[in-house]
């Protein structure tokens, strides 16, 4: 055990993180050598830790020169609620991080996790495709106006479907206004009037409860995320419209002697 601990210390480290239990004798040897020992690091956590510190997971200690060591500025034990956690800050690489969610109930935590997952997916899409569009309902009003213009020159029942699609697009800024606690009817009509006057970057300013310039305020959304939302909603509506009738089979008759 002393020989193995010496091989670990010879790597020139000051912190040793182990996936399994560390007994009293190795802890004493590490303490005498000025090495802090952390035990019971879970398997997923150690992989993420290797990614964020820029090091690699070592299974043997015979060749210190072939091992890449991780680096960070500080390691401290913190309390979050009633749980103790080890926090690594100032890490060499930024390829992983930990986000702690707390809530009063399991339902709140699930909703917070879902919202966080959606936000991270949008960020991932934005990194892959850096194109953005104006937010605050600006894009929806512009698309609705374009659909209305196309519907005016379209004969037949297709025009009715196009007008309904435009109304659905204008519902999105109305929902944003309702969620902010404002009068959606007043804000959306004001937004449509601003676009009719040629203010193509006008959108809903949720801090002031009014129509503002999204370009000036820097309110933008991911183009890829916006495109996927529109496509998914359109496909869902199309699938519902294709269902003409529901066929339900008659219930099976119970025979005599059946229980």
Protein backbone atom coordinates (compact mmCIF):
# COMPACT_ATOMS: atom_id res chain seq x y z
CA UNK A 1 0.00 0.00 0.00
CA UNK A 2 2.86 2.37 0.81
CA UNK A 3 4.48 1.57 -2.55
CA UNK A 4 1.26 2.31 -4.43
CA UNK A 5 0.74 5.56 -2.52
CA UNK A 6 4.33 6.58 -3.32
CA UNK A 7 3.67 6.04 -7.03
CA UNK A 8 0.63 8.31 -6.78
CA UNK A 9 2.54 11.01 -4.88
CA UNK A 10 5.39 10.86 -7.43
CA UNK A 11 3.00 12.29 -10.04
CA UNK A 12 3.58 15.67 -8.39
CA UNK A 13 -0.06 16.22 -7.49
CA UNK A 14 -1.61 17.93 -4.48
CA UNK A 15 -5.14 16.43 -4.85
CA UNK A 16 -5.97 12.77 -5.49
CA UNK A 17 -9.53 11.79 -6.44
CA UNK A 18 -10.49 8.13 -6.23
CA UNK A 19 -13.62 6.36 -7.42
CA UNK A 20 -13.52 3.91 -4.52
CA UNK A 21 -12.97 3.96 -0.77
CA UNK A 22 -9.67 5.23 0.64
CA UNK A 23 -8.65 3.61 3.94
CA UNK A 24 -6.99 5.25 6.93
CA UNK A 25 -3.41 4.27 6.08
CA UNK A 26 -3.44 5.74 2.54
CA UNK A 27 -5.10 8.87 3.87
CA UNK A 28 -2.31 9.23 6.45
CA UNK A 29 0.36 8.72 3.78
CA UNK A 30 -1.25 11.30 1.50
CA UNK A 31 -1.62 13.76 4.39
CA UNK A 32 2.08 13.43 5.27
CA UNK A 33 2.96 14.14 1.62
CA UNK A 34 0.65 17.18 1.48
CA UNK A 35 -1.86 15.52 -0.87
CA UNK A 36 -5.59 15.95 -0.27
CA UNK A 37 -7.54 12.73 -0.93
CA UNK A 38 -11.15 12.66 -2.11
CA UNK A 39 -12.93 9.30 -2.15
CA UNK A 40 -16.16 7.84 -3.53
CA UNK A 41 -16.29 10.01 -6.66
CA UNK A 42 -19.06 8.54 -8.84
CA UNK A 43 -18.19 7.20 -12.28
CA UNK A 44 -20.14 9.81 -14.26
CA UNK A 45 -18.84 12.61 -12.08
CA UNK A 46 -15.20 11.59 -12.50
CA UNK A 47 -15.55 11.64 -16.29
CA UNK A 48 -17.05 15.14 -16.19
CA UNK A 49 -14.39 16.23 -13.72
CA UNK A 50 -11.65 15.01 -16.04
CA UNK A 51 -13.23 17.00 -18.89
CA UNK A 52 -13.57 20.21 -16.91
CA UNK A 53 -10.09 20.14 -15.35
CA UNK A 54 -8.32 19.14 -18.57
CA UNK A 55 -6.93 15.89 -17.10
CA UNK A 56 -7.49 12.23 -17.79
CA UNK A 57 -8.65 9.26 -15.74
CA UNK A 58 -5.64 7.06 -14.83
CA UNK A 59 -6.04 3.36 -14.12
CA UNK A 60 -2.36 2.65 -13.34
CA UNK A 61 0.38 4.72 -11.74
CA UNK A 62 3.54 3.20 -13.22
CA UNK A 63 4.22 5.92 -15.84
CA UNK A 64 3.69 9.41 -14.40
CA UNK A 65 5.16 11.00 -17.52
CA UNK A 66 2.31 9.63 -19.66
CA UNK A 67 -0.51 11.00 -17.47
CA UNK A 68 -2.14 14.37 -18.17
CA UNK A 69 -2.94 16.13 -14.90
CA UNK A 70 -5.99 18.30 -14.41
CA UNK A 71 -5.84 21.79 -12.95
CA UNK A 72 -8.15 24.10 -11.02
CA UNK A 73 -7.73 27.16 -8.79
CA UNK A 74 -9.70 26.05 -5.72
CA UNK A 75 -11.46 23.03 -4.24
CA UNK A 76 -13.87 23.70 -1.38
CA UNK A 77 -16.66 21.95 0.47
CA UNK A 78 -19.95 23.87 0.35
CA UNK A 79 -23.39 23.33 1.86
CA UNK A 80 -26.50 23.46 -0.35
CA UNK A 81 -29.50 22.93 1.86
CA UNK A 82 -28.59 19.91 3.96
CA UNK A 83 -26.18 18.38 1.42
CA UNK A 84 -22.42 18.75 1.32
CA UNK A 85 -20.82 19.16 -2.09
CA UNK A 86 -17.29 19.58 -3.41
CA UNK A 87 -16.94 22.61 -5.68
CA UNK A 88 -14.11 22.89 -8.19
CA UNK A 89 -13.66 26.48 -9.39
CA UNK A 90 -11.25 28.11 -11.81
CA UNK A 91 -10.89 24.92 -13.85
CA UNK A 92 -8.50 24.68 -16.78
CA UNK A 93 -11.12 23.62 -19.31
CA UNK A 94 -14.75 24.70 -19.61
CA UNK A 95 -16.15 21.55 -21.20
CA UNK A 96 -18.50 20.69 -18.33
CA UNK A 97 -20.30 22.35 -15.46
CA UNK A 98 -22.80 21.54 -12.72
CA UNK A 99 -26.14 23.30 -12.25
CA UNK A 100 -27.92 22.73 -8.94
CA UNK A 101 -31.71 23.03 -9.03
CA UNK A 102 -33.73 23.40 -5.83
CA UNK A 103 -37.48 23.56 -5.38
CA UNK A 104 -40.28 23.01 -2.92
CA UNK A 105 -41.65 19.93 -4.69
CA UNK A 106 -40.77 17.30 -7.25
CA UNK A 107 -43.12 18.91 -9.78
CA UNK A 108 -41.37 22.28 -9.52
CA UNK A 109 -37.98 20.61 -9.95
CA UNK A 110 -39.19 18.68 -12.99
CA UNK A 111 -40.52 21.86 -14.58
CA UNK A 112 -37.30 23.73 -13.82
CA UNK A 113 -35.24 20.90 -15.28
CA UNK A 114 -37.40 20.84 -18.41
CA UNK A 115 -37.07 24.61 -18.88
CA UNK A 116 -33.32 24.45 -18.36
CA UNK A 117 -33.04 21.58 -20.85
CA UNK A 118 -34.99 23.60 -23.42
CA UNK A 119 -32.73 26.62 -22.90
CA UNK A 120 -29.58 24.52 -23.29
CA UNK A 121 -30.98 22.96 -26.48
CA UNK A 122 -31.61 26.44 -27.88
CA UNK A 123 -28.05 27.47 -27.03
CA UNK A 124 -26.70 24.34 -28.70
CA UNK A 125 -28.71 25.10 -31.83
CA UNK A 126 -27.51 28.71 -31.79
CA UNK A 127 -23.86 27.67 -31.55
CA UNK A 128 -24.30 25.31 -34.51
CA UNK A 129 -26.23 27.90 -36.55
CA UNK A 130 -25.43 31.47 -35.44
CA UNK A 131 -28.30 33.09 -37.35
CA UNK A 132 -30.77 34.94 -35.13
CA UNK A 133 -34.08 36.79 -35.57
CA UNK A 134 -35.69 39.60 -33.60
CA UNK A 135 -37.65 38.47 -30.56
CA UNK A 136 -40.54 39.91 -28.61
CA UNK A 137 -43.12 38.80 -31.18
CA UNK A 138 -41.51 40.86 -33.94
CA UNK A 139 -40.88 37.87 -36.21
CA UNK A 140 -44.36 36.43 -35.71
CA UNK A 141 -46.06 39.72 -36.67
CA UNK A 142 -43.93 39.97 -39.80
CA UNK A 143 -44.73 36.39 -40.80
CA UNK A 144 -48.44 36.92 -40.12
CA UNK A 145 -48.46 40.02 -42.34
CA UNK A 146 -46.73 38.10 -45.13
CA UNK A 147 -49.27 35.25 -44.86
CA UNK A 148 -52.17 37.74 -44.91
CA UNK A 149 -50.80 39.37 -48.06
CA UNK A 150 -50.48 35.97 -49.73
CA UNK A 151 -54.00 34.97 -48.62
CA UNK A 152 -55.49 38.10 -50.21
CA UNK A 153 -54.41 36.90 -53.66
CA UNK A 154 -55.25 33.21 -53.10
CA UNK A 155 -58.67 31.99 -54.28
CA UNK A 156 -60.71 29.20 -52.71
CA UNK A 157 -60.70 27.66 -49.27
CA UNK A 158 -56.91 27.78 -49.08
CA UNK A 159 -57.21 31.46 -48.25
CA UNK A 160 -59.26 30.64 -45.15
CA UNK A 161 -56.59 28.21 -43.93
CA UNK A 162 -53.88 30.82 -44.56
CA UNK A 163 -55.82 33.46 -42.63
CA UNK A 164 -56.20 31.02 -39.72
CA UNK A 165 -52.44 30.38 -39.83
CA UNK A 166 -51.79 34.13 -39.66
CA UNK A 167 -54.12 34.45 -36.64
CA UNK A 168 -52.23 31.61 -34.94
CA UNK A 169 -48.94 33.44 -35.52
CA UNK A 170 -50.36 36.61 -33.93
CA UNK A 171 -51.40 34.53 -30.91
CA UNK A 172 -47.74 34.01 -29.95
CA UNK A 173 -46.99 37.65 -29.00
CA UNK A 174 -50.40 37.74 -27.30
CA UNK A 175 -49.35 34.79 -25.11
CA UNK A 176 -46.07 36.56 -24.31
CA UNK A 177 -48.01 39.66 -23.21
CA UNK A 178 -50.44 37.59 -21.10
CA UNK A 179 -47.55 35.80 -19.39
CA UNK A 180 -46.06 39.19 -18.53
CA UNK A 181 -49.35 40.32 -16.94
CA UNK A 182 -50.14 42.97 -19.57
CA UNK A 183 -53.15 43.66 -21.77
CA UNK A 184 -52.41 41.46 -24.78
CA UNK A 185 -55.11 43.01 -26.99
CA UNK A 186 -53.71 46.51 -26.58
CA UNK A 187 -50.07 45.48 -27.02
CA UNK A 188 -50.63 43.24 -30.06
CA UNK A 189 -52.74 45.82 -31.88
CA UNK A 190 -50.08 48.44 -31.13
CA UNK A 191 -47.42 46.06 -32.42
CA UNK A 192 -49.36 45.46 -35.66
CA UNK A 193 -49.77 49.22 -36.10
CA UNK A 194 -46.03 49.77 -35.61
CA UNK A 195 -45.22 47.20 -38.29
CA UNK A 196 -47.79 48.74 -40.61
CA UNK A 197 -45.94 52.06 -40.21
CA UNK A 198 -42.72 50.39 -41.39
CA UNK A 199 -41.10 49.72 -38.02
CA UNK A 200 -39.94 46.21 -38.92
CA UNK A 201 -37.90 45.71 -35.72
CA UNK A 202 -40.74 46.56 -33.32
CA UNK A 203 -41.54 44.02 -30.63
CA UNK A 204 -42.93 43.69 -27.11
CA UNK A 205 -40.87 45.28 -24.34
CA UNK A 206 -41.81 43.17 -21.32
CA UNK A 207 -39.90 45.39 -18.88
CA UNK A 208 -41.90 48.47 -19.76
CA UNK A 209 -45.13 46.85 -20.95
CA UNK A 210 -45.02 48.64 -24.30
CA UNK A 211 -43.89 48.30 -27.90
CA UNK A 212 -40.13 48.77 -28.27
CA UNK A 213 -37.31 48.41 -30.77
CA UNK A 214 -35.90 44.88 -30.49
CA UNK A 215 -32.75 45.80 -32.43
CA UNK A 216 -31.99 48.60 -29.99
CA UNK A 217 -32.73 46.47 -26.93
CA UNK A 218 -30.81 43.45 -28.24
CA UNK A 219 -33.73 41.01 -27.93
CA UNK A 220 -33.02 38.18 -30.37
CA UNK A 221 -33.96 34.52 -30.76
CA UNK A 222 -32.29 31.56 -32.40
CA UNK A 223 -33.31 31.20 -36.06
CA UNK A 224 -32.95 27.43 -35.90
CA UNK A 225 -35.10 27.15 -32.77
CA UNK A 226 -37.77 29.42 -34.25
CA UNK A 227 -37.83 27.37 -37.45
CA UNK A 228 -38.20 24.08 -35.56
CA UNK A 229 -41.05 25.48 -33.43
CA UNK A 230 -42.96 26.59 -36.52
CA UNK A 231 -42.39 23.31 -38.35
CA UNK A 232 -43.40 21.18 -35.36
CA UNK A 233 -46.56 23.21 -34.70
CA UNK A 234 -47.52 23.16 -38.40
CA UNK A 235 -47.02 19.40 -38.64
CA UNK A 236 -49.09 18.83 -35.48
CA UNK A 237 -51.95 20.97 -36.85
CA UNK A 238 -51.79 19.17 -40.18
CA UNK A 239 -51.98 15.77 -38.48
CA UNK A 240 -55.07 16.86 -36.51
CA UNK A 241 -56.78 18.15 -39.67
CA UNK A 242 -56.15 14.87 -41.45
CA UNK A 243 -58.15 12.90 -38.86
CA UNK A 244 -61.63 12.76 -40.40
CA UNK A 245 -63.34 10.46 -37.93
CA UNK A 246 -62.66 8.18 -34.99
CA UNK A 247 -63.68 4.56 -35.43
CA UNK A 248 -64.44 2.81 -32.16
CA UNK A 249 -65.08 -0.90 -32.03
CA UNK A 250 -68.16 -2.14 -30.21
CA UNK A 251 -67.50 -3.58 -26.76
CA UNK A 252 -67.26 -7.36 -26.62
CA UNK A 253 -70.41 -9.02 -25.30
CA UNK A 254 -70.03 -11.00 -22.13
CA UNK A 255 -71.23 -14.58 -22.54
CA UNK A 256 -72.99 -16.69 -20.02
CA UNK A 257 -70.73 -18.24 -17.42
CA UNK A 258 -68.05 -15.55 -17.84
CA UNK A 259 -66.89 -13.76 -14.71
